[in-house]
Amino acid sequence: MSRRTAIYDQRHGVAWYWLVHPGSVSVYLLINLAYDQPAVFGPEYKISLLAFPDLVIPVAVIFRDLPPLEPNA
């Protein structure tokens, strides 16, 4: 995420966001008007949204139907 996007999100009160990477999810939380270091969850974890704590998502499910990544050329 760009610095400009982070500043915009902070000003508008975006409380958290997820960045989905191949094989992991990084969760950023807005704390004291700045985003904290992300919590990074691999496929062995289950995560939930702050707004919906009863909705638990296994990270592995996010990637289940994706084709395998090709190595960098």
C-alpha atoms as a PDB file:
ATOM      1  CA  MET A   1       0.000   0.000   0.000  1.00  0.00           C
ATOM      2  CA  SER A   2       1.283   3.441  -0.823  1.00  0.00           C
ATOM      3  CA  ARG A   3       1.958   6.068   1.819  1.00  0.00           C
ATOM      4  CA  ARG A   4      -0.662   8.307   0.200  1.00  0.00           C
ATOM      5  CA  THR A   5      -3.314   5.593   0.459  1.00  0.00           C
ATOM      6  CA  ALA A   6      -2.396   4.940   4.103  1.00  0.00           C
ATOM      7  CA  ILE A   7      -2.712   8.647   4.953  1.00  0.00           C
ATOM      8  CA  TYR A   8      -6.109   8.838   3.212  1.00  0.00           C
ATOM      9  CA  ASP A   9      -7.344   5.732   5.041  1.00  0.00           C
ATOM     10  CA  GLN A  10      -6.095   7.063   8.394  1.00  0.00           C
ATOM     11  CA  ARG A  11      -7.875  10.398   7.909  1.00  0.00           C
ATOM     12  CA  HIS A  12     -11.118   8.677   7.019  1.00  0.00           C
ATOM     13  CA  GLY A  13     -11.016   6.245   9.922  1.00  0.00           C
ATOM     14  CA  VAL A  14     -10.426   2.961   8.114  1.00  0.00           C
ATOM     15  CA  ALA A  15      -9.970   0.910  11.280  1.00  0.00           C
ATOM     16  CA  TRP A  16      -8.323  -2.125   9.701  1.00  0.00           C
ATOM     17  CA  TYR A  17      -7.546  -3.732   6.398  1.00  0.00           C
ATOM     18  CA  TRP A  18      -6.220  -6.986   5.064  1.00  0.00           C
ATOM     19  CA  LEU A  19      -3.567  -7.400   2.402  1.00  0.00           C
ATOM     20  CA  VAL A  20      -3.697 -10.831   0.819  1.00  0.00           C
ATOM     21  CA  HIS A  21      -0.369 -12.167  -0.411  1.00  0.00           C
ATOM     22  CA  PRO A  22       0.303 -15.547  -1.984  1.00  0.00           C
ATOM     23  CA  GLY A  23       0.021 -17.894   0.994  1.00  0.00           C
ATOM     24  CA  SER A  24      -0.557 -15.327   3.759  1.00  0.00           C
ATOM     25  CA  VAL A  25      -2.765 -12.475   4.944  1.00  0.00           C
ATOM     26  CA  SER A  26      -1.415  -9.323   6.635  1.00  0.00           C
ATOM     27  CA  VAL A  27      -3.847  -7.511   8.931  1.00  0.00           C
ATOM     28  CA  TYR A  28      -3.205  -3.838   9.709  1.00  0.00           C
ATOM     29  CA  LEU A  29      -4.991  -2.076  12.593  1.00  0.00           C
ATOM     30  CA  LEU A  30      -5.387   1.667  13.036  1.00  0.00           C
ATOM     31  CA  ILE A  31      -4.067   2.516  16.521  1.00  0.00           C
ATOM     32  CA  ASN A  32      -3.641   6.109  17.692  1.00  0.00           C
ATOM     33  CA  LEU A  33      -4.150   7.445  14.151  1.00  0.00           C
ATOM     34  CA  ALA A  34      -1.427   5.232  12.643  1.00  0.00           C
ATOM     35  CA  TYR A  35      -1.344   1.699  11.310  1.00  0.00           C
ATOM     36  CA  ASP A  36       0.504  -0.696  13.573  1.00  0.00           C
ATOM     37  CA  GLN A  37       2.870  -3.393  12.331  1.00  0.00           C
ATOM     38  CA  PRO A  38       0.776  -6.030  10.581  1.00  0.00           C
ATOM     39  CA  ALA A  39      -0.145  -9.343  12.062  1.00  0.00           C
ATOM     40  CA  VAL A  40       0.755 -11.934   9.420  1.00  0.00           C
ATOM     41  CA  PHE A  41      -1.224 -15.164   9.176  1.00  0.00           C
ATOM     42  CA  GLY A  42      -0.166 -18.183   7.133  1.00  0.00           C
ATOM     43  CA  PRO A  43      -2.384 -20.972   5.809  1.00  0.00           C
ATOM     44  CA  GLU A  44      -2.340 -22.822   9.139  1.00  0.00           C
ATOM     45  CA  TYR A  45      -4.249 -19.963  10.864  1.00  0.00           C
ATOM     46  CA  LYS A  46      -7.889 -18.997  11.165  1.00  0.00           C
ATOM     47  CA  ILE A  47      -8.731 -15.280  11.266  1.00  0.00           C
ATOM     48  CA  SER A  48     -11.850 -13.174  11.818  1.00  0.00           C
ATOM     49  CA  LEU A  49     -13.027  -9.646  11.154  1.00  0.00           C
ATOM     50  CA  LEU A  50     -13.220  -7.281  14.116  1.00  0.00           C
ATOM     51  CA  ALA A  51     -16.774  -6.322  13.107  1.00  0.00           C
ATOM     52  CA  PHE A  52     -17.839  -9.983  12.838  1.00  0.00           C
ATOM     53  CA  PRO A  53     -15.895 -11.958  15.442  1.00  0.00           C
ATOM     54  CA  ASP A  54     -18.071 -15.052  14.986  1.00  0.00           C
ATOM     55  CA  LEU A  55     -17.105 -15.260  11.300  1.00  0.00           C
ATOM     56  CA  VAL A  56     -13.909 -17.310  11.351  1.00  0.00           C
ATOM     57  CA  ILE A  57     -12.057 -17.795   8.054  1.00  0.00           C
ATOM     58  CA  PRO A  58      -9.332 -20.415   7.643  1.00  0.00           C
ATOM     59  CA  VAL A  59      -6.568 -18.680   5.685  1.00  0.00           C
ATOM     60  CA  ALA A  60      -5.991 -21.842   3.643  1.00  0.00           C
ATOM     61  CA  VAL A  61      -9.543 -21.545   2.247  1.00  0.00           C
ATOM     62  CA  ILE A  62      -8.686 -18.167   0.699  1.00  0.00           C
ATOM     63  CA  PHE A  63      -6.059 -19.849  -1.466  1.00  0.00           C
ATOM     64  CA  ARG A  64      -7.715 -23.245  -1.980  1.00  0.00           C
ATOM     65  CA  ASP A  65      -8.873 -22.830  -5.598  1.00  0.00           C
ATOM     66  CA  LEU A  66      -5.979 -20.740  -6.902  1.00  0.00           C
ATOM     67  CA  PRO A  67      -3.524 -22.201  -9.392  1.00  0.00           C
ATOM     68  CA  PRO A  68       0.036 -22.691  -8.110  1.00  0.00           C
ATOM     69  CA  LEU A  69       2.365 -19.725  -8.479  1.00  0.00           C
ATOM     70  CA  GLU A  70       4.914 -19.858 -11.238  1.00  0.00           C
ATOM     71  CA  PRO A  71       8.517 -19.220 -10.212  1.00  0.00           C
ATOM     72  CA  ASN A  72       9.934 -15.842 -11.213  1.00  0.00           C
ATOM     73  CA  ALA A  73      11.574 -15.910 -14.593  1.00  0.00           C
END
